[in-house]
Amino acid sequence: MDLNLKGKKVLITGASQGIGKALAESFAREGSVLTIVARSGDRLDAIANDLRSRFGVTVRVIALDMTTPGAVGKILDQAADTEILVNNAGVIPGGNLWQVSAEQWRAGWELKVLGYIDMTRAFYSVMKERGGGVIVNNIGIGGENFDFDYVCGTTGNAALMAFTRAVGGRSLRDGIRVVGVNPGPVATPRIEKVLRVRAKEQLGDENRTDELLAKLPLGRAATSEEVADLCVFLASDKSSYTSGSIFTLDGGLTSARSIA
């Protein structure tokens, strides 16, 4: 299927690992022109060189900490030609209300929640002037499944879901689509860390993560590539009537909720 993404200018934040890295590869496979953003310049350079070699695409690297003052403006200065923005940067800490300090809570929201909002505000304006664009927010099912032991993340993700729906509900008036993706557990180093904590709390042994994975659909977490491919489709013309919507990718976990 031709998604008509060849030559489209795509900006991906948090692109140095995990889902962000998979996003860069999926868009590169479609022939898109990439700008990848993260703190680690070395990782970004390695990814950029690999994508250039394998797919013959143009890749621009922006290495910076997105929580520093003026970071969004610096990104905009270098990538104002962006046609598709994928907000992906940010890791919100796990833990309950007393395990996550006020400082940790604010730091987690500064990068992900406020970062998505600030990036959308900045790039929506230039997209509107140009006559169109797409914004994809990678959020997470914590926003749908309220979790006492992930209170900072579940609250932040719910806020981003509301933000995506609020902005995307009217954005087509400006020729812009705003959509969200809610992955469930994804096979990344981060989920491995989370599972080890949960295994120790629930089973008394942090090495018993396989028992937790066995409870997931298909007995595994989603792959980064599965999440990335959905984002790429939503960013394409094949999804041109989609805006203000959140798409859940969790193997049915959210839909399987039961009172029994």
C-alpha atoms as a PDB file:
ATOM      1  CA  MET A   1       0.000   0.000   0.000  1.00  0.00           C
ATOM      2  CA  ASP A   2       1.384   3.390  -1.029  1.00  0.00           C
ATOM      3  CA  LEU A   3       0.814   5.781   1.880  1.00  0.00           C
ATOM      4  CA  ASN A   4       1.954   8.786  -0.163  1.00  0.00           C
ATOM      5  CA  LEU A   5       4.558   9.728   2.448  1.00  0.00           C
ATOM      6  CA  LYS A   6       7.545   9.870   0.124  1.00  0.00           C
ATOM      7  CA  GLY A   7       9.220  13.254   0.553  1.00  0.00           C
ATOM      8  CA  LYS A   8       6.941  14.285   3.425  1.00  0.00           C
ATOM      9  CA  LYS A   9       8.819  16.175   6.133  1.00  0.00           C
ATOM     10  CA  VAL A  10       8.419  14.336   9.434  1.00  0.00           C
ATOM     11  CA  LEU A  11       9.628  15.431  12.884  1.00  0.00           C
ATOM     12  CA  ILE A  12       9.877  12.798  15.625  1.00  0.00           C
ATOM     13  CA  THR A  13      10.745  13.608  19.234  1.00  0.00           C
ATOM     14  CA  GLY A  14      12.264  11.066  21.591  1.00  0.00           C
ATOM     15  CA  ALA A  15      13.706   9.305  18.552  1.00  0.00           C
ATOM     16  CA  SER A  16      16.884   7.812  20.019  1.00  0.00           C
ATOM     17  CA  GLN A  17      15.412   4.504  21.223  1.00  0.00           C
ATOM     18  CA  GLY A  18      12.325   2.332  21.596  1.00  0.00           C
ATOM     19  CA  ILE A  19       9.177   3.496  19.834  1.00  0.00           C
ATOM     20  CA  GLY A  20      10.850   6.690  18.633  1.00  0.00           C
ATOM     21  CA  LYS A  21      13.579   4.762  16.848  1.00  0.00           C
ATOM     22  CA  ALA A  22      10.977   2.443  15.311  1.00  0.00           C
ATOM     23  CA  LEU A  23       8.992   5.479  14.148  1.00  0.00           C
ATOM     24  CA  ALA A  24      12.041   6.867  12.388  1.00  0.00           C
ATOM     25  CA  GLU A  25      12.602   3.558  10.599  1.00  0.00           C
ATOM     26  CA  SER A  26       8.945   3.178   9.587  1.00  0.00           C
ATOM     27  CA  PHE A  27       8.781   6.673   8.096  1.00  0.00           C
ATOM     28  CA  ALA A  28      12.178   6.195   6.424  1.00  0.00           C
ATOM     29  CA  ARG A  29      10.887   3.026   4.795  1.00  0.00           C
ATOM     30  CA  GLU A  30       8.131   5.164   3.260  1.00  0.00           C
ATOM     31  CA  GLY A  31      10.726   7.591   1.887  1.00  0.00           C
ATOM     32  CA  SER A  32       9.941  10.484   4.230  1.00  0.00           C
ATOM     33  CA  VAL A  33      12.390  13.298   4.993  1.00  0.00           C
ATOM     34  CA  LEU A  34      13.170  13.034   8.705  1.00  0.00           C
ATOM     35  CA  THR A  35      14.090  15.300  11.587  1.00  0.00           C
ATOM     36  CA  ILE A  36      14.837  13.273  14.715  1.00  0.00           C
ATOM     37  CA  VAL A  37      15.099  14.853  18.155  1.00  0.00           C
ATOM     38  CA  ALA A  38      16.470  13.572  21.479  1.00  0.00           C
ATOM     39  CA  ARG A  39      19.110  14.378  24.069  1.00  0.00           C
ATOM     40  CA  SER A  40      21.680  11.841  22.891  1.00  0.00           C
ATOM     41  CA  GLY A  41      23.459  13.175  19.816  1.00  0.00           C
ATOM     42  CA  ASP A  42      25.570  10.028  19.482  1.00  0.00           C
ATOM     43  CA  ARG A  43      22.524   7.757  19.342  1.00  0.00           C
ATOM     44  CA  LEU A  44      20.758  10.050  16.900  1.00  0.00           C
ATOM     45  CA  ASP A  45      23.793  10.200  14.614  1.00  0.00           C
ATOM     46  CA  ALA A  46      24.033   6.406  14.578  1.00  0.00           C
ATOM     47  CA  ILE A  47      20.324   6.067  13.738  1.00  0.00           C
ATOM     48  CA  ALA A  48      20.540   8.761  11.070  1.00  0.00           C
ATOM     49  CA  ASN A  49      23.530   7.133   9.377  1.00  0.00           C
ATOM     50  CA  ASP A  50      21.810   3.750   9.400  1.00  0.00           C
ATOM     51  CA  LEU A  51      18.603   5.130   7.857  1.00  0.00           C
ATOM     52  CA  ARG A  52      20.490   7.074   5.203  1.00  0.00           C
ATOM     53  CA  SER A  53      22.428   3.947   4.279  1.00  0.00           C
ATOM     54  CA  ARG A  54      19.461   1.573   4.156  1.00  0.00           C
ATOM     55  CA  PHE A  55      16.731   3.784   2.735  1.00  0.00           C
ATOM     56  CA  GLY A  56      18.535   6.634   1.004  1.00  0.00           C
ATOM     57  CA  VAL A  57      16.539   9.238   2.886  1.00  0.00           C
ATOM     58  CA  THR A  58      17.474  12.649   4.230  1.00  0.00           C
ATOM     59  CA  VAL A  59      17.750  12.724   8.030  1.00  0.00           C
ATOM     60  CA  ARG A  60      18.329  15.862  10.083  1.00  0.00           C
ATOM     61  CA  VAL A  61      19.470  15.489  13.714  1.00  0.00           C
ATOM     62  CA  ILE A  62      18.570  17.875  16.542  1.00  0.00           C
ATOM     63  CA  ALA A  63      20.253  16.901  19.799  1.00  0.00           C
ATOM     64  CA  LEU A  64      18.922  18.798  22.799  1.00  0.00           C
ATOM     65  CA  ASP A  65      17.121  18.426  26.110  1.00  0.00           C
ATOM     66  CA  MET A  66      13.519  19.409  25.435  1.00  0.00           C
ATOM     67  CA  THR A  67      12.994  20.525  29.035  1.00  0.00           C
ATOM     68  CA  THR A  68      15.515  23.347  28.759  1.00  0.00           C
ATOM     69  CA  PRO A  69      14.182  26.886  28.306  1.00  0.00           C
ATOM     70  CA  GLY A  70      13.679  27.792  24.667  1.00  0.00           C
ATOM     71  CA  ALA A  71      14.048  24.203  23.415  1.00  0.00           C
ATOM     72  CA  VAL A  72      10.784  24.186  21.466  1.00  0.00           C
ATOM     73  CA  GLY A  73      11.725  27.446  19.760  1.00  0.00           C
ATOM     74  CA  LYS A  74      15.093  26.008  18.755  1.00  0.00           C
ATOM     75  CA  ILE A  75      13.410  22.968  17.228  1.00  0.00           C
ATOM     76  CA  LEU A  76      10.937  25.167  15.384  1.00  0.00           C
ATOM     77  CA  ASP A  77      13.759  27.330  14.016  1.00  0.00           C
ATOM     78  CA  GLN A  78      15.426  24.279  12.492  1.00  0.00           C
ATOM     79  CA  ALA A  79      12.343  22.375  11.373  1.00  0.00           C
ATOM     80  CA  ALA A  80       9.594  24.898  10.580  1.00  0.00           C
ATOM     81  CA  ASP A  81       8.990  23.016   7.324  1.00  0.00           C
ATOM     82  CA  THR A  82       7.606  20.012   9.247  1.00  0.00           C
ATOM     83  CA  GLU A  83       4.445  18.553   7.714  1.00  0.00           C
ATOM     84  CA  ILE A  84       3.989  15.690  10.182  1.00  0.00           C
ATOM     85  CA  LEU A  85       4.850  16.062  13.872  1.00  0.00           C
ATOM     86  CA  VAL A  86       5.036  12.955  16.056  1.00  0.00           C
ATOM     87  CA  ASN A  87       5.155  13.813  19.759  1.00  0.00           C
ATOM     88  CA  ASN A  88       6.862  10.857  21.410  1.00  0.00           C
ATOM     89  CA  ALA A  89       9.416  12.190  23.928  1.00  0.00           C
ATOM     90  CA  GLY A  90       8.868  11.589  27.600  1.00  0.00           C
ATOM     91  CA  VAL A  91       8.923   8.995  30.357  1.00  0.00           C
ATOM     92  CA  ILE A  92       6.635   9.548  33.342  1.00  0.00           C
ATOM     93  CA  PRO A  93       7.755   7.749  36.522  1.00  0.00           C
ATOM     94  CA  GLY A  94       5.797   4.859  37.976  1.00  0.00           C
ATOM     95  CA  GLY A  95       4.673   4.640  41.585  1.00  0.00           C
ATOM     96  CA  ASN A  96       1.796   5.680  43.790  1.00  0.00           C
ATOM     97  CA  LEU A  97       1.037   9.118  45.187  1.00  0.00           C
ATOM     98  CA  TRP A  98       3.680   8.853  47.892  1.00  0.00           C
ATOM     99  CA  GLN A  99       6.365   7.096  45.873  1.00  0.00           C
ATOM    100  CA  VAL A 100       6.482   9.850  43.229  1.00  0.00           C
ATOM    101  CA  SER A 101       7.825  13.055  44.713  1.00  0.00           C
ATOM    102  CA  ALA A 102       6.535  16.475  43.725  1.00  0.00           C
ATOM    103  CA  GLU A 103       9.807  17.111  41.903  1.00  0.00           C
ATOM    104  CA  GLN A 104       9.591  13.816  39.960  1.00  0.00           C
ATOM    105  CA  TRP A 105       5.954  14.510  39.088  1.00  0.00           C
ATOM    106  CA  ARG A 106       6.756  17.940  37.678  1.00  0.00           C
ATOM    107  CA  ALA A 107       9.790  16.679  35.775  1.00  0.00           C
ATOM    108  CA  GLY A 108       7.788  13.884  34.138  1.00  0.00           C
ATOM    109  CA  TRP A 109       5.011  16.228  33.098  1.00  0.00           C
ATOM    110  CA  GLU A 110       7.431  18.909  31.917  1.00  0.00           C
ATOM    111  CA  LEU A 111       8.794  16.659  29.177  1.00  0.00           C
ATOM    112  CA  LYS A 112       5.771  14.636  28.144  1.00  0.00           C
ATOM    113  CA  VAL A 113       2.562  16.492  29.015  1.00  0.00           C
ATOM    114  CA  LEU A 114       3.738  20.090  28.688  1.00  0.00           C
ATOM    115  CA  GLY A 115       6.225  19.091  25.982  1.00  0.00           C
ATOM    116  CA  TYR A 116       3.456  17.715  23.757  1.00  0.00           C
ATOM    117  CA  ILE A 117       1.339  20.790  24.403  1.00  0.00           C
ATOM    118  CA  ASP A 118       4.161  23.247  23.683  1.00  0.00           C
ATOM    119  CA  MET A 119       5.235  21.419  20.514  1.00  0.00           C
ATOM    120  CA  THR A 120       1.658  21.292  19.269  1.00  0.00           C
ATOM    121  CA  ARG A 121       1.129  24.988  19.971  1.00  0.00           C
ATOM    122  CA  ALA A 122       4.283  25.931  18.081  1.00  0.00           C
ATOM    123  CA  PHE A 123       3.914  23.656  15.059  1.00  0.00           C
ATOM    124  CA  TYR A 124       0.149  23.997  14.697  1.00  0.00           C
ATOM    125  CA  SER A 125       0.646  27.699  14.039  1.00  0.00           C
ATOM    126  CA  VAL A 126       3.143  27.205  11.199  1.00  0.00           C
ATOM    127  CA  MET A 127       1.098  24.338   9.755  1.00  0.00           C
ATOM    128  CA  LYS A 128      -1.974  26.570   9.726  1.00  0.00           C
ATOM    129  CA  GLU A 129      -0.091  29.285   7.876  1.00  0.00           C
ATOM    130  CA  ARG A 130       1.066  26.711   5.332  1.00  0.00           C
ATOM    131  CA  GLY A 131      -2.436  25.273   4.912  1.00  0.00           C
ATOM    132  CA  GLY A 132      -2.225  21.893   6.632  1.00  0.00           C
ATOM    133  CA  GLY A 133      -0.372  19.228   8.552  1.00  0.00           C
ATOM    134  CA  VAL A 134      -0.666  16.248  10.872  1.00  0.00           C
ATOM    135  CA  ILE A 135       0.137  15.908  14.584  1.00  0.00           C
ATOM    136  CA  VAL A 136       0.326  12.431  16.131  1.00  0.00           C
ATOM    137  CA  ASN A 137       0.561  12.129  19.917  1.00  0.00           C
ATOM    138  CA  ASN A 138       1.941   8.856  21.311  1.00  0.00           C
ATOM    139  CA  ILE A 139       0.197   8.703  24.691  1.00  0.00           C
ATOM    140  CA  GLY A 140      -0.503   5.355  26.433  1.00  0.00           C
ATOM    141  CA  ILE A 141      -3.355   3.265  27.868  1.00  0.00           C
ATOM    142  CA  GLY A 142      -2.713   4.616  31.349  1.00  0.00           C
ATOM    143  CA  GLY A 143      -4.990   7.441  30.259  1.00  0.00           C
ATOM    144  CA  GLU A 144      -7.850   4.957  29.845  1.00  0.00           C
ATOM    145  CA  ASN A 145      -7.036   2.529  32.652  1.00  0.00           C
ATOM    146  CA  PHE A 146      -6.556   4.516  35.829  1.00  0.00           C
ATOM    147  CA  ASP A 147      -3.734   2.962  37.821  1.00  0.00           C
ATOM    148  CA  PHE A 148      -3.103   3.693  41.497  1.00  0.00           C
ATOM    149  CA  ASP A 149       0.501   2.517  41.094  1.00  0.00           C
ATOM    150  CA  TYR A 150       1.082   4.719  38.028  1.00  0.00           C
ATOM    151  CA  VAL A 151      -0.770   7.760  39.260  1.00  0.00           C
ATOM    152  CA  CYS A 152       1.531  10.368  37.720  1.00  0.00           C
ATOM    153  CA  GLY A 153       1.458   8.707  34.309  1.00  0.00           C
ATOM    154  CA  THR A 154      -2.203   7.752  34.294  1.00  0.00           C
ATOM    155  CA  THR A 155      -3.151  11.347  35.138  1.00  0.00           C
ATOM    156  CA  GLY A 156      -0.776  12.826  32.571  1.00  0.00           C
ATOM    157  CA  ASN A 157      -1.907  10.480  29.821  1.00  0.00           C
ATOM    158  CA  ALA A 158      -5.561  11.249  30.537  1.00  0.00           C
ATOM    159  CA  ALA A 159      -4.734  14.946  30.205  1.00  0.00           C
ATOM    160  CA  LEU A 160      -3.046  14.339  26.838  1.00  0.00           C
ATOM    161  CA  MET A 161      -6.044  12.354  25.629  1.00  0.00           C
ATOM    162  CA  ALA A 162      -8.309  15.269  26.486  1.00  0.00           C
ATOM    163  CA  PHE A 163      -5.877  17.687  24.846  1.00  0.00           C
ATOM    164  CA  THR A 164      -5.728  15.622  21.651  1.00  0.00           C
ATOM    165  CA  ARG A 165      -9.504  15.387  21.399  1.00  0.00           C
ATOM    166  CA  ALA A 166     -10.024  19.055  22.207  1.00  0.00           C
ATOM    167  CA  VAL A 167      -7.545  20.324  19.620  1.00  0.00           C
ATOM    168  CA  GLY A 168      -8.265  17.651  17.024  1.00  0.00           C
ATOM    169  CA  GLY A 169     -11.990  18.199  17.267  1.00  0.00           C
ATOM    170  CA  ARG A 170     -11.702  21.492  15.413  1.00  0.00           C
ATOM    171  CA  SER A 171      -8.299  21.357  13.766  1.00  0.00           C
ATOM    172  CA  LEU A 172      -9.602  20.231  10.367  1.00  0.00           C
ATOM    173  CA  ARG A 173     -11.012  23.732   9.985  1.00  0.00           C
ATOM    174  CA  ASP A 174      -7.356  24.726   9.600  1.00  0.00           C
ATOM    175  CA  GLY A 175      -6.489  21.734   7.436  1.00  0.00           C
ATOM    176  CA  ILE A 176      -4.691  20.024  10.322  1.00  0.00           C
ATOM    177  CA  ARG A 177      -5.343  16.577  11.742  1.00  0.00           C
ATOM    178  CA  VAL A 178      -4.523  15.821  15.390  1.00  0.00           C
ATOM    179  CA  VAL A 179      -4.721  12.199  16.543  1.00  0.00           C
ATOM    180  CA  GLY A 180      -3.448  10.058  19.393  1.00  0.00           C
ATOM    181  CA  VAL A 181      -2.213   6.503  19.888  1.00  0.00           C
ATOM    182  CA  ASN A 182      -2.512   4.659  23.192  1.00  0.00           C
ATOM    183  CA  PRO A 183      -0.100   1.722  23.280  1.00  0.00           C
ATOM    184  CA  GLY A 184      -0.387  -0.848  26.016  1.00  0.00           C
ATOM    185  CA  PRO A 185       2.760  -2.591  27.259  1.00  0.00           C
ATOM    186  CA  VAL A 186       5.478  -2.355  24.589  1.00  0.00           C
ATOM    187  CA  ALA A 187       8.662  -4.435  24.506  1.00  0.00           C
ATOM    188  CA  THR A 188      11.171  -1.712  25.376  1.00  0.00           C
ATOM    189  CA  PRO A 189      13.829  -1.390  28.108  1.00  0.00           C
ATOM    190  CA  ARG A 190      11.386   0.817  30.010  1.00  0.00           C
ATOM    191  CA  ILE A 191       8.645  -1.823  30.208  1.00  0.00           C
ATOM    192  CA  GLU A 192      11.225  -4.385  31.293  1.00  0.00           C
ATOM    193  CA  LYS A 193      12.103  -2.116  34.207  1.00  0.00           C
ATOM    194  CA  VAL A 194       8.430  -1.621  35.077  1.00  0.00           C
ATOM    195  CA  LEU A 195       7.764  -5.369  34.923  1.00  0.00           C
ATOM    196  CA  ARG A 196      10.694  -6.119  37.193  1.00  0.00           C
ATOM    197  CA  VAL A 197       9.291  -3.723  39.803  1.00  0.00           C
ATOM    198  CA  ARG A 198       5.805  -5.231  39.494  1.00  0.00           C
ATOM    199  CA  ALA A 199       7.197  -8.801  39.684  1.00  0.00           C
ATOM    200  CA  LYS A 200       9.020  -7.982  42.894  1.00  0.00           C
ATOM    201  CA  GLU A 201       5.925  -6.341  44.410  1.00  0.00           C
ATOM    202  CA  GLN A 202       3.419  -8.966  43.315  1.00  0.00           C
ATOM    203  CA  LEU A 203       5.463 -12.172  43.141  1.00  0.00           C
ATOM    204  CA  GLY A 204       8.362 -11.442  45.468  1.00  0.00           C
ATOM    205  CA  ASP A 205      10.993 -11.910  42.738  1.00  0.00           C
ATOM    206  CA  GLU A 206      11.945  -9.286  40.144  1.00  0.00           C
ATOM    207  CA  ASN A 207      13.108 -12.035  37.759  1.00  0.00           C
ATOM    208  CA  ARG A 208       9.602 -13.508  37.355  1.00  0.00           C
ATOM    209  CA  THR A 209       8.619 -11.047  34.617  1.00  0.00           C
ATOM    210  CA  ASP A 210       7.738 -13.907  32.233  1.00  0.00           C
ATOM    211  CA  GLU A 211       4.765 -14.737  34.443  1.00  0.00           C
ATOM    212  CA  LEU A 212       3.442 -11.207  34.057  1.00  0.00           C
ATOM    213  CA  LEU A 213       3.999 -11.242  30.291  1.00  0.00           C
ATOM    214  CA  ALA A 214       2.119 -14.542  30.042  1.00  0.00           C
ATOM    215  CA  LYS A 215      -1.037 -12.732  31.175  1.00  0.00           C
ATOM    216  CA  LEU A 216      -0.896 -10.328  28.210  1.00  0.00           C
ATOM    217  CA  PRO A 217      -2.656 -10.989  24.890  1.00  0.00           C
ATOM    218  CA  LEU A 218      -0.572 -13.440  22.805  1.00  0.00           C
ATOM    219  CA  GLY A 219       1.641 -13.836  25.870  1.00  0.00           C
ATOM    220  CA  ARG A 220       3.775 -10.842  24.954  1.00  0.00           C
ATOM    221  CA  ALA A 221       3.993  -7.085  24.882  1.00  0.00           C
ATOM    222  CA  ALA A 222       3.475  -5.187  21.626  1.00  0.00           C
ATOM    223  CA  THR A 223       6.530  -4.451  19.533  1.00  0.00           C
ATOM    224  CA  SER A 224       7.759  -0.937  18.880  1.00  0.00           C
ATOM    225  CA  GLU A 225       7.277  -1.609  15.175  1.00  0.00           C
ATOM    226  CA  GLU A 226       3.574  -2.367  15.657  1.00  0.00           C
ATOM    227  CA  VAL A 227       3.084   0.985  17.368  1.00  0.00           C
ATOM    228  CA  ALA A 228       5.157   2.823  14.773  1.00  0.00           C
ATOM    229  CA  ASP A 229       3.283   1.309  11.842  1.00  0.00           C
ATOM    230  CA  LEU A 230      -0.054   2.471  13.264  1.00  0.00           C
ATOM    231  CA  CYS A 231       1.317   5.994  13.711  1.00  0.00           C
ATOM    232  CA  VAL A 232       2.599   6.026  10.133  1.00  0.00           C
ATOM    233  CA  PHE A 233      -0.796   4.974   8.785  1.00  0.00           C
ATOM    234  CA  LEU A 234      -2.588   7.640  10.844  1.00  0.00           C
ATOM    235  CA  ALA A 235      -0.160  10.258   9.546  1.00  0.00           C
ATOM    236  CA  SER A 236      -0.852   9.263   5.939  1.00  0.00           C
ATOM    237  CA  ASP A 237      -3.485  10.343   3.435  1.00  0.00           C
ATOM    238  CA  LYS A 238      -5.158   6.954   3.928  1.00  0.00           C
ATOM    239  CA  SER A 239      -6.402   8.355   7.238  1.00  0.00           C
ATOM    240  CA  SER A 240      -7.358  11.774   5.890  1.00  0.00           C
ATOM    241  CA  TYR A 241     -10.765  11.956   7.619  1.00  0.00           C
ATOM    242  CA  THR A 242      -9.358  11.151  11.055  1.00  0.00           C
ATOM    243  CA  SER A 243      -8.953  13.856  13.686  1.00  0.00           C
ATOM    244  CA  GLY A 244      -9.632  14.219  17.391  1.00  0.00           C
ATOM    245  CA  SER A 245      -9.503  10.454  17.851  1.00  0.00           C
ATOM    246  CA  ILE A 246      -7.430   8.171  20.086  1.00  0.00           C
ATOM    247  CA  PHE A 247      -6.484   4.705  18.828  1.00  0.00           C
ATOM    248  CA  THR A 248      -5.800   1.999  21.409  1.00  0.00           C
ATOM    249  CA  LEU A 249      -3.173  -0.635  20.586  1.00  0.00           C
ATOM    250  CA  ASP A 250      -3.141  -3.076  23.491  1.00  0.00           C
ATOM    251  CA  GLY A 251      -4.278  -6.470  22.176  1.00  0.00           C
ATOM    252  CA  GLY A 252      -7.701  -5.936  23.730  1.00  0.00           C
ATOM    253  CA  LEU A 253      -6.569  -5.309  27.320  1.00  0.00           C
ATOM    254  CA  THR A 254      -8.730  -2.223  27.733  1.00  0.00           C
ATOM    255  CA  SER A 255     -11.777  -3.810  26.096  1.00  0.00           C
ATOM    256  CA  ALA A 256     -11.449  -6.971  28.220  1.00  0.00           C
ATOM    257  CA  ARG A 257     -12.329  -5.245  31.476  1.00  0.00           C
ATOM    258  CA  SER A 258     -14.907  -7.272  33.356  1.00  0.00           C
ATOM    259  CA  ILE A 259     -16.847  -7.092  36.621  1.00  0.00           C
ATOM    260  CA  ALA A 260     -16.406 -10.832  37.088  1.00  0.00           C
END
